[in-house]
All heavy atoms as atom14 arrays in JSON, in Angstrom:
{
  "sequence": "EMISQMIYFDGTFTGTYDKKGSASGLIEGRSPGYSLKDL",
  "atom14_mask": [
    [1, 1, 1, 1, 1, 1, 1, 1, 1, 0, 0, 0, 0, 0],
    [1, 1, 1, 1, 1, 1, 1, 1, 0, 0, 0, 0, 0, 0],
    [1, 1, 1, 1, 1, 1, 1, 1, 0, 0, 0, 0, 0, 0],
    [1, 1, 1, 1, 1, 1, 0, 0, 0, 0, 0, 0, 0, 0],
    [1, 1, 1, 1, 1, 1, 1, 1, 1, 0, 0, 0, 0, 0],
    [1, 1, 1, 1, 1, 1, 1, 1, 0, 0, 0, 0, 0, 0],
    [1, 1, 1, 1, 1, 1, 1, 1, 0, 0, 0, 0, 0, 0],
    [1, 1, 1, 1, 1, 1, 1, 1, 1, 1, 1, 1, 0, 0],
    [1, 1, 1, 1, 1, 1, 1, 1, 1, 1, 1, 0, 0, 0],
    [1, 1, 1, 1, 1, 1, 1, 1, 0, 0, 0, 0, 0, 0],
    [1, 1, 1, 1, 0, 0, 0, 0, 0, 0, 0, 0, 0, 0],
    [1, 1, 1, 1, 1, 1, 1, 0, 0, 0, 0, 0, 0, 0],
    [1, 1, 1, 1, 1, 1, 1, 1, 1, 1, 1, 0, 0, 0],
    [1, 1, 1, 1, 1, 1, 1, 0, 0, 0, 0, 0, 0, 0],
    [1, 1, 1, 1, 0, 0, 0, 0, 0, 0, 0, 0, 0, 0],
    [1, 1, 1, 1, 1, 1, 1, 0, 0, 0, 0, 0, 0, 0],
    [1, 1, 1, 1, 1, 1, 1, 1, 1, 1, 1, 1, 0, 0],
    [1, 1, 1, 1, 1, 1, 1, 1, 0, 0, 0, 0, 0, 0],
    [1, 1, 1, 1, 1, 1, 1, 1, 1, 0, 0, 0, 0, 0],
    [1, 1, 1, 1, 1, 1, 1, 1, 1, 0, 0, 0, 0, 0],
    [1, 1, 1, 1, 0, 0, 0, 0, 0, 0, 0, 0, 0, 0],
    [1, 1, 1, 1, 1, 1, 0, 0, 0, 0, 0, 0, 0, 0],
    [1, 1, 1, 1, 1, 0, 0, 0, 0, 0, 0, 0, 0, 0],
    [1, 1, 1, 1, 1, 1, 0, 0, 0, 0, 0, 0, 0, 0],
    [1, 1, 1, 1, 0, 0, 0, 0, 0, 0, 0, 0, 0, 0],
    [1, 1, 1, 1, 1, 1, 1, 1, 0, 0, 0, 0, 0, 0],
    [1, 1, 1, 1, 1, 1, 1, 1, 0, 0, 0, 0, 0, 0],
    [1, 1, 1, 1, 1, 1, 1, 1, 1, 0, 0, 0, 0, 0],
    [1, 1, 1, 1, 0, 0, 0, 0, 0, 0, 0, 0, 0, 0],
    [1, 1, 1, 1, 1, 1, 1, 1, 1, 1, 1, 0, 0, 0],
    [1, 1, 1, 1, 1, 1, 0, 0, 0, 0, 0, 0, 0, 0],
    [1, 1, 1, 1, 1, 1, 1, 0, 0, 0, 0, 0, 0, 0],
    [1, 1, 1, 1, 0, 0, 0, 0, 0, 0, 0, 0, 0, 0],
    [1, 1, 1, 1, 1, 1, 1, 1, 1, 1, 1, 1, 0, 0],
    [1, 1, 1, 1, 1, 1, 0, 0, 0, 0, 0, 0, 0, 0],
    [1, 1, 1, 1, 1, 1, 1, 1, 0, 0, 0, 0, 0, 0],
    [1, 1, 1, 1, 1, 1, 1, 1, 1, 0, 0, 0, 0, 0],
    [1, 1, 1, 1, 1, 1, 1, 1, 0, 0, 0, 0, 0, 0],
    [1, 1, 1, 1, 1, 1, 1, 1, 0, 0, 0, 0, 0, 0]
  ],
  "atom14_positions": [
    [[0.82, -1.2, 0.0], [0.0, 0.0, 0.0], [0.86, 1.26, 0.0], [0.56, 2.24, -0.7], [-0.92, 0.0, 1.23], [-1.77, 1.25, 1.39], [-2.7, 1.51, 0.21], [-3.07, 0.55, -0.5], [-3.05, 2.7, -0.01], [0.0, 0.0, 0.0], [0.0, 0.0, 0.0], [0.0, 0.0, 0.0], [0.0, 0.0, 0.0], [0.0, 0.0, 0.0]],
    [[1.94, 1.25, 0.76], [2.83, 2.4, 0.8], [3.48, 2.63, -0.56], [3.6, 3.77, -1.03], [3.9, 2.21, 1.87], [3.37, 2.25, 3.29], [4.65, 1.91, 4.53], [5.7, 3.35, 4.34], [0.0, 0.0, 0.0], [0.0, 0.0, 0.0], [0.0, 0.0, 0.0], [0.0, 0.0, 0.0], [0.0, 0.0, 0.0], [0.0, 0.0, 0.0]],
    [[3.89, 1.57, -1.22], [4.51, 1.7, -2.53], [3.51, 2.27, -3.54], [3.86, 3.11, -4.37], [5.06, 0.34, -3.01], [6.25, -0.08, -2.13], [5.49, 0.4, -4.48], [6.76, -1.47, -2.4], [0.0, 0.0, 0.0], [0.0, 0.0, 0.0], [0.0, 0.0, 0.0], [0.0, 0.0, 0.0], [0.0, 0.0, 0.0], [0.0, 0.0, 0.0]],
    [[2.25, 1.84, -3.45], [1.23, 2.37, -4.35], [1.03, 3.87, -4.14], [0.68, 4.61, -5.07], [-0.1, 1.63, -4.17], [-0.72, 1.99, -2.95], [0.0, 0.0, 0.0], [0.0, 0.0, 0.0], [0.0, 0.0, 0.0], [0.0, 0.0, 0.0], [0.0, 0.0, 0.0], [0.0, 0.0, 0.0], [0.0, 0.0, 0.0], [0.0, 0.0, 0.0]],
    [[1.26, 4.34, -2.9], [1.11, 5.76, -2.59], [2.31, 6.59, -3.05], [2.29, 7.82, -2.94], [0.91, 5.95, -1.09], [-0.41, 5.42, -0.57], [-0.57, 5.63, 0.92], [0.4, 5.85, 1.66], [-1.81, 5.57, 1.39], [0.0, 0.0, 0.0], [0.0, 0.0, 0.0], [0.0, 0.0, 0.0], [0.0, 0.0, 0.0], [0.0, 0.0, 0.0]],
    [[3.31, 5.94, -3.6], [4.5, 6.64, -4.1], [4.49, 6.85, -5.61], [5.27, 7.63, -6.15], [5.76, 5.83, -3.73], [6.03, 5.72, -2.26], [7.35, 4.51, -1.9], [8.65, 5.06, -2.99], [0.0, 0.0, 0.0], [0.0, 0.0, 0.0], [0.0, 0.0, 0.0], [0.0, 0.0, 0.0], [0.0, 0.0, 0.0], [0.0, 0.0, 0.0]],
    [[3.59, 6.17, -6.31], [3.59, 6.16, -7.78], [2.49, 7.08, -8.3], [1.32, 6.93, -7.94], [3.38, 4.73, -8.3], [4.53, 3.83, -7.85], [3.25, 4.71, -9.82], [4.32, 2.36, -8.17], [0.0, 0.0, 0.0], [0.0, 0.0, 0.0], [0.0, 0.0, 0.0], [0.0, 0.0, 0.0], [0.0, 0.0, 0.0], [0.0, 0.0, 0.0]],
    [[2.86, 8.02, -9.21], [1.88, 8.98, -9.72], [2.07, 9.26, -11.2], [3.19, 9.17, -11.73], [1.97, 10.3, -8.93], [1.53, 10.13, -7.5], [2.45, 9.81, -6.5], [0.19, 10.23, -7.14], [2.05, 9.61, -5.2], [-0.22, 10.02, -5.83], [0.71, 9.71, -4.87], [0.31, 9.5, -3.57], [0.0, 0.0, 0.0], [0.0, 0.0, 0.0]],
    [[0.95, 9.63, -11.82], [0.98, 10.1, -13.2], [0.62, 11.57, -13.23], [-0.44, 11.97, -12.76], [0.0, 9.32, -14.08], [-0.11, 9.88, -15.47], [0.89, 9.64, -16.4], [-1.18, 10.67, -15.84], [0.82, 10.18, -17.68], [-1.27, 11.21, -17.12], [-0.27, 10.96, -18.04], [0.0, 0.0, 0.0], [0.0, 0.0, 0.0], [0.0, 0.0, 0.0]],
    [[1.51, 12.38, -13.78], [1.31, 13.83, -13.9], [1.13, 14.17, -15.38], [2.06, 14.04, -16.18], [2.52, 14.56, -13.31], [2.39, 16.07, -13.38], [1.37, 16.57, -13.91], [3.31, 16.77, -12.91], [0.0, 0.0, 0.0], [0.0, 0.0, 0.0], [0.0, 0.0, 0.0], [0.0, 0.0, 0.0], [0.0, 0.0, 0.0], [0.0, 0.0, 0.0]],
    [[-0.07, 14.6, -15.74], [-0.37, 14.91, -17.14], [0.4, 16.08, -17.7], [0.44, 16.27, -18.93], [0.0, 0.0, 0.0], [0.0, 0.0, 0.0], [0.0, 0.0, 0.0], [0.0, 0.0, 0.0], [0.0, 0.0, 0.0], [0.0, 0.0, 0.0], [0.0, 0.0, 0.0], [0.0, 0.0, 0.0], [0.0, 0.0, 0.0], [0.0, 0.0, 0.0]],
    [[1.06, 16.87, -16.86], [1.86, 17.99, -17.36], [3.27, 17.58, -17.76], [4.01, 18.38, -18.32], [1.97, 19.12, -16.31], [2.83, 18.7, -15.23], [0.6, 19.48, -15.76], [0.0, 0.0, 0.0], [0.0, 0.0, 0.0], [0.0, 0.0, 0.0], [0.0, 0.0, 0.0], [0.0, 0.0, 0.0], [0.0, 0.0, 0.0], [0.0, 0.0, 0.0]],
    [[3.62, 16.34, -17.48], [4.97, 15.87, -17.78], [5.18, 15.82, -19.29], [4.33, 15.32, -20.03], [5.18, 14.48, -17.17], [6.54, 13.89, -17.43], [7.66, 14.42, -16.81], [6.69, 12.83, -18.29], [8.92, 13.88, -17.04], [7.94, 12.28, -18.53], [9.05, 12.8, -17.91], [0.0, 0.0, 0.0], [0.0, 0.0, 0.0], [0.0, 0.0, 0.0]],
    [[6.33, 16.32, -19.76], [6.59, 16.46, -21.2], [7.54, 15.41, -21.76], [7.82, 15.42, -22.95], [7.16, 17.86, -21.5], [8.42, 18.02, -20.8], [6.2, 18.95, -21.08], [0.0, 0.0, 0.0], [0.0, 0.0, 0.0], [0.0, 0.0, 0.0], [0.0, 0.0, 0.0], [0.0, 0.0, 0.0], [0.0, 0.0, 0.0], [0.0, 0.0, 0.0]],
    [[8.05, 14.52, -20.93], [8.97, 13.5, -21.42], [8.28, 12.53, -22.36], [7.07, 12.35, -22.33], [0.0, 0.0, 0.0], [0.0, 0.0, 0.0], [0.0, 0.0, 0.0], [0.0, 0.0, 0.0], [0.0, 0.0, 0.0], [0.0, 0.0, 0.0], [0.0, 0.0, 0.0], [0.0, 0.0, 0.0], [0.0, 0.0, 0.0], [0.0, 0.0, 0.0]],
    [[9.08, 11.87, -23.2], [8.54, 10.92, -24.17], [9.33, 9.61, -24.13], [10.2, 9.42, -23.27], [8.62, 11.49, -25.6], [10.0, 11.66, -25.97], [7.91, 12.84, -25.68], [0.0, 0.0, 0.0], [0.0, 0.0, 0.0], [0.0, 0.0, 0.0], [0.0, 0.0, 0.0], [0.0, 0.0, 0.0], [0.0, 0.0, 0.0], [0.0, 0.0, 0.0]],
    [[9.07, 8.76, -25.09], [9.74, 7.46, -25.2], [11.25, 7.61, -25.3], [11.99, 6.8, -24.75], [9.19, 6.73, -26.43], [9.87, 5.42, -26.75], [9.52, 4.26, -26.07], [10.85, 5.34, -27.74], [10.13, 3.04, -26.37], [11.47, 4.14, -28.04], [11.1, 2.99, -27.36], [11.71, 1.79, -27.67], [0.0, 0.0, 0.0], [0.0, 0.0, 0.0]],
    [[11.72, 8.65, -25.99], [13.16, 8.8, -26.2], [13.71, 10.15, -25.74], [14.86, 10.48, -26.01], [13.52, 8.58, -27.67], [12.7, 9.44, -28.62], [11.96, 10.33, -28.14], [12.81, 9.23, -29.84], [0.0, 0.0, 0.0], [0.0, 0.0, 0.0], [0.0, 0.0, 0.0], [0.0, 0.0, 0.0], [0.0, 0.0, 0.0], [0.0, 0.0, 0.0]],
    [[12.9, 10.94, -25.03], [13.38, 12.25, -24.59], [12.97, 12.5, -23.14], [11.88, 12.14, -22.71], [12.8, 13.36, -25.47], [13.3, 13.32, -26.9], [12.7, 14.47, -27.71], [13.18, 14.43, -29.16], [12.59, 15.53, -29.95], [0.0, 0.0, 0.0], [0.0, 0.0, 0.0], [0.0, 0.0, 0.0], [0.0, 0.0, 0.0], [0.0, 0.0, 0.0]],
    [[13.89, 13.16, -22.41], [13.56, 13.58, -21.06], [12.65, 14.79, -21.11], [12.51, 15.45, -22.15], [14.84, 13.92, -20.29], [15.74, 12.72, -20.02], [16.93, 13.12, -19.17], [17.77, 11.91, -18.8], [18.9, 12.27, -17.91], [0.0, 0.0, 0.0], [0.0, 0.0, 0.0], [0.0, 0.0, 0.0], [0.0, 0.0, 0.0], [0.0, 0.0, 0.0]],
    [[12.01, 15.09, -19.99], [11.1, 16.22, -19.95], [11.03, 16.83, -18.57], [11.92, 16.62, -17.74], [0.0, 0.0, 0.0], [0.0, 0.0, 0.0], [0.0, 0.0, 0.0], [0.0, 0.0, 0.0], [0.0, 0.0, 0.0], [0.0, 0.0, 0.0], [0.0, 0.0, 0.0], [0.0, 0.0, 0.0], [0.0, 0.0, 0.0], [0.0, 0.0, 0.0]],
    [[9.98, 17.57, -18.34], [9.78, 18.2, -17.04], [8.27, 18.32, -16.81], [7.47, 18.0, -17.69], [10.43, 19.58, -16.99], [9.88, 20.43, -18.0], [0.0, 0.0, 0.0], [0.0, 0.0, 0.0], [0.0, 0.0, 0.0], [0.0, 0.0, 0.0], [0.0, 0.0, 0.0], [0.0, 0.0, 0.0], [0.0, 0.0, 0.0], [0.0, 0.0, 0.0]],
    [[7.9, 18.78, -15.64], [6.48, 18.91, -15.3], [6.27, 20.18, -14.5], [7.16, 20.63, -13.77], [6.0, 17.69, -14.52], [0.0, 0.0, 0.0], [0.0, 0.0, 0.0], [0.0, 0.0, 0.0], [0.0, 0.0, 0.0], [0.0, 0.0, 0.0], [0.0, 0.0, 0.0], [0.0, 0.0, 0.0], [0.0, 0.0, 0.0], [0.0, 0.0, 0.0]],
    [[5.08, 20.72, -14.63], [4.71, 21.9, -13.82], [3.87, 21.5, -12.62], [3.58, 22.33, -11.76], [3.94, 22.91, -14.68], [2.77, 22.31, -15.23], [0.0, 0.0, 0.0], [0.0, 0.0, 0.0], [0.0, 0.0, 0.0], [0.0, 0.0, 0.0], [0.0, 0.0, 0.0], [0.0, 0.0, 0.0], [0.0, 0.0, 0.0], [0.0, 0.0, 0.0]],
    [[3.48, 20.21, -12.58], [2.69, 19.72, -11.46], [3.58, 19.17, -10.36], [3.87, 19.85, -9.37], [0.0, 0.0, 0.0], [0.0, 0.0, 0.0], [0.0, 0.0, 0.0], [0.0, 0.0, 0.0], [0.0, 0.0, 0.0], [0.0, 0.0, 0.0], [0.0, 0.0, 0.0], [0.0, 0.0, 0.0], [0.0, 0.0, 0.0], [0.0, 0.0, 0.0]],
    [[4.03, 17.94, -10.55], [4.97, 17.32, -9.62], [6.38, 17.53, -10.15], [6.79, 16.93, -11.14], [4.65, 15.82, -9.49], [3.25, 15.48, -8.97], [3.01, 13.98, -8.98], [3.06, 16.04, -7.56], [0.0, 0.0, 0.0], [0.0, 0.0, 0.0], [0.0, 0.0, 0.0], [0.0, 0.0, 0.0], [0.0, 0.0, 0.0], [0.0, 0.0, 0.0]],
    [[7.11, 18.38, -9.49], [8.41, 18.83, -9.97], [9.53, 18.04, -9.29], [9.58, 17.96, -8.06], [8.61, 20.33, -9.72], [7.5, 21.12, -10.43], [9.98, 20.79, -10.2], [7.48, 22.6, -10.08], [0.0, 0.0, 0.0], [0.0, 0.0, 0.0], [0.0, 0.0, 0.0], [0.0, 0.0, 0.0], [0.0, 0.0, 0.0], [0.0, 0.0, 0.0]],
    [[10.4, 17.47, -10.09], [11.52, 16.7, -9.56], [12.41, 17.56, -8.67], [12.76, 18.69, -9.03], [12.34, 16.11, -10.71], [13.49, 15.24, -10.25], [14.22, 14.59, -11.42], [15.0, 15.32, -12.09], [14.01, 13.4, -11.66], [0.0, 0.0, 0.0], [0.0, 0.0, 0.0], [0.0, 0.0, 0.0], [0.0, 0.0, 0.0], [0.0, 0.0, 0.0]],
    [[12.75, 17.04, -7.48], [13.65, 17.74, -6.58], [13.04, 18.9, -5.83], [13.76, 19.62, -5.12], [0.0, 0.0, 0.0], [0.0, 0.0, 0.0], [0.0, 0.0, 0.0], [0.0, 0.0, 0.0], [0.0, 0.0, 0.0], [0.0, 0.0, 0.0], [0.0, 0.0, 0.0], [0.0, 0.0, 0.0], [0.0, 0.0, 0.0], [0.0, 0.0, 0.0]],
    [[11.75, 19.09, -5.95], [11.12, 20.23, -5.28], [11.25, 20.11, -3.77], [11.11, 19.04, -3.2], [9.64, 20.31, -5.65], [8.88, 21.46, -4.99], [7.41, 21.41, -5.41], [6.63, 22.5, -4.85], [5.99, 22.46, -3.69], [6.07, 21.37, -2.94], [5.27, 23.48, -3.27], [0.0, 0.0, 0.0], [0.0, 0.0, 0.0], [0.0, 0.0, 0.0]],
    [[11.52, 21.22, -3.13], [11.61, 21.26, -1.67], [10.52, 22.2, -1.16], [10.34, 23.31, -1.7], [12.99, 21.77, -1.25], [13.12, 21.8, 0.15], [0.0, 0.0, 0.0], [0.0, 0.0, 0.0], [0.0, 0.0, 0.0], [0.0, 0.0, 0.0], [0.0, 0.0, 0.0], [0.0, 0.0, 0.0], [0.0, 0.0, 0.0], [0.0, 0.0, 0.0]],
    [[9.72, 21.76, -0.24], [9.88, 20.6, 0.65], [9.27, 19.31, 0.13], [9.24, 18.31, 0.85], [9.15, 21.06, 1.91], [8.02, 21.9, 1.39], [8.58, 22.61, 0.19], [0.0, 0.0, 0.0], [0.0, 0.0, 0.0], [0.0, 0.0, 0.0], [0.0, 0.0, 0.0], [0.0, 0.0, 0.0], [0.0, 0.0, 0.0], [0.0, 0.0, 0.0]],
    [[8.75, 19.27, -1.07], [8.12, 18.06, -1.57], [6.6, 18.16, -1.52], [6.03, 19.26, -1.46], [0.0, 0.0, 0.0], [0.0, 0.0, 0.0], [0.0, 0.0, 0.0], [0.0, 0.0, 0.0], [0.0, 0.0, 0.0], [0.0, 0.0, 0.0], [0.0, 0.0, 0.0], [0.0, 0.0, 0.0], [0.0, 0.0, 0.0], [0.0, 0.0, 0.0]],
    [[5.94, 17.01, -1.5], [4.47, 17.0, -1.59], [3.87, 16.11, -0.5], [4.38, 15.02, -0.22], [4.04, 16.48, -2.97], [4.59, 17.32, -4.11], [5.82, 16.98, -4.7], [3.92, 18.45, -4.54], [6.33, 17.75, -5.73], [4.43, 19.23, -5.58], [5.64, 18.88, -6.16], [6.16, 19.67, -7.16], [0.0, 0.0, 0.0], [0.0, 0.0, 0.0]],
    [[2.78, 16.6, 0.07], [2.07, 15.84, 1.09], [1.04, 14.93, 0.42], [0.74, 15.07, -0.78], [1.35, 16.79, 2.06], [0.3, 17.47, 1.38], [0.0, 0.0, 0.0], [0.0, 0.0, 0.0], [0.0, 0.0, 0.0], [0.0, 0.0, 0.0], [0.0, 0.0, 0.0], [0.0, 0.0, 0.0], [0.0, 0.0, 0.0], [0.0, 0.0, 0.0]],
    [[0.49, 14.01, 1.18], [-0.56, 13.14, 0.65], [-1.75, 13.98, 0.19], [-2.42, 13.63, -0.79], [-0.99, 12.14, 1.72], [0.03, 11.02, 2.03], [-0.43, 10.23, 3.24], [0.21, 10.11, 0.82], [0.0, 0.0, 0.0], [0.0, 0.0, 0.0], [0.0, 0.0, 0.0], [0.0, 0.0, 0.0], [0.0, 0.0, 0.0], [0.0, 0.0, 0.0]],
    [[-2.02, 15.09, 0.87], [-3.1, 15.98, 0.46], [-2.79, 16.59, -0.9], [-3.67, 16.67, -1.77], [-3.28, 17.08, 1.51], [-4.44, 18.03, 1.23], [-5.76, 17.34, 1.31], [-6.91, 18.33, 1.13], [-8.24, 17.67, 1.18], [0.0, 0.0, 0.0], [0.0, 0.0, 0.0], [0.0, 0.0, 0.0], [0.0, 0.0, 0.0], [0.0, 0.0, 0.0]],
    [[-1.55, 17.01, -1.1], [-1.15, 17.58, -2.39], [-1.31, 16.56, -3.52], [-1.63, 16.93, -4.66], [0.32, 18.02, -2.36], [0.59, 19.15, -1.38], [-0.32, 19.97, -1.16], [1.71, 19.18, -0.83], [0.0, 0.0, 0.0], [0.0, 0.0, 0.0], [0.0, 0.0, 0.0], [0.0, 0.0, 0.0], [0.0, 0.0, 0.0], [0.0, 0.0, 0.0]],
    [[-1.1, 15.29, -3.2], [-1.07, 14.24, -4.21], [-2.45, 13.71, -4.58], [-2.59, 12.95, -5.55], [-0.19, 13.09, -3.72], [1.29, 13.44, -3.51], [1.99, 12.32, -2.75], [1.98, 13.71, -4.84], [0.0, 0.0, 0.0], [0.0, 0.0, 0.0], [0.0, 0.0, 0.0], [0.0, 0.0, 0.0], [0.0, 0.0, 0.0], [0.0, 0.0, 0.0]]
  ]
}
């Protein structure tokens, strides 16, 4: 159950099959991060 709470799909993510991307929703390395409420 905890592992399932760690996995998310963010529709703003721009990465593809062969290219890296970024997101405006869940941002990699953001501090302080995201709470369960945020998610």
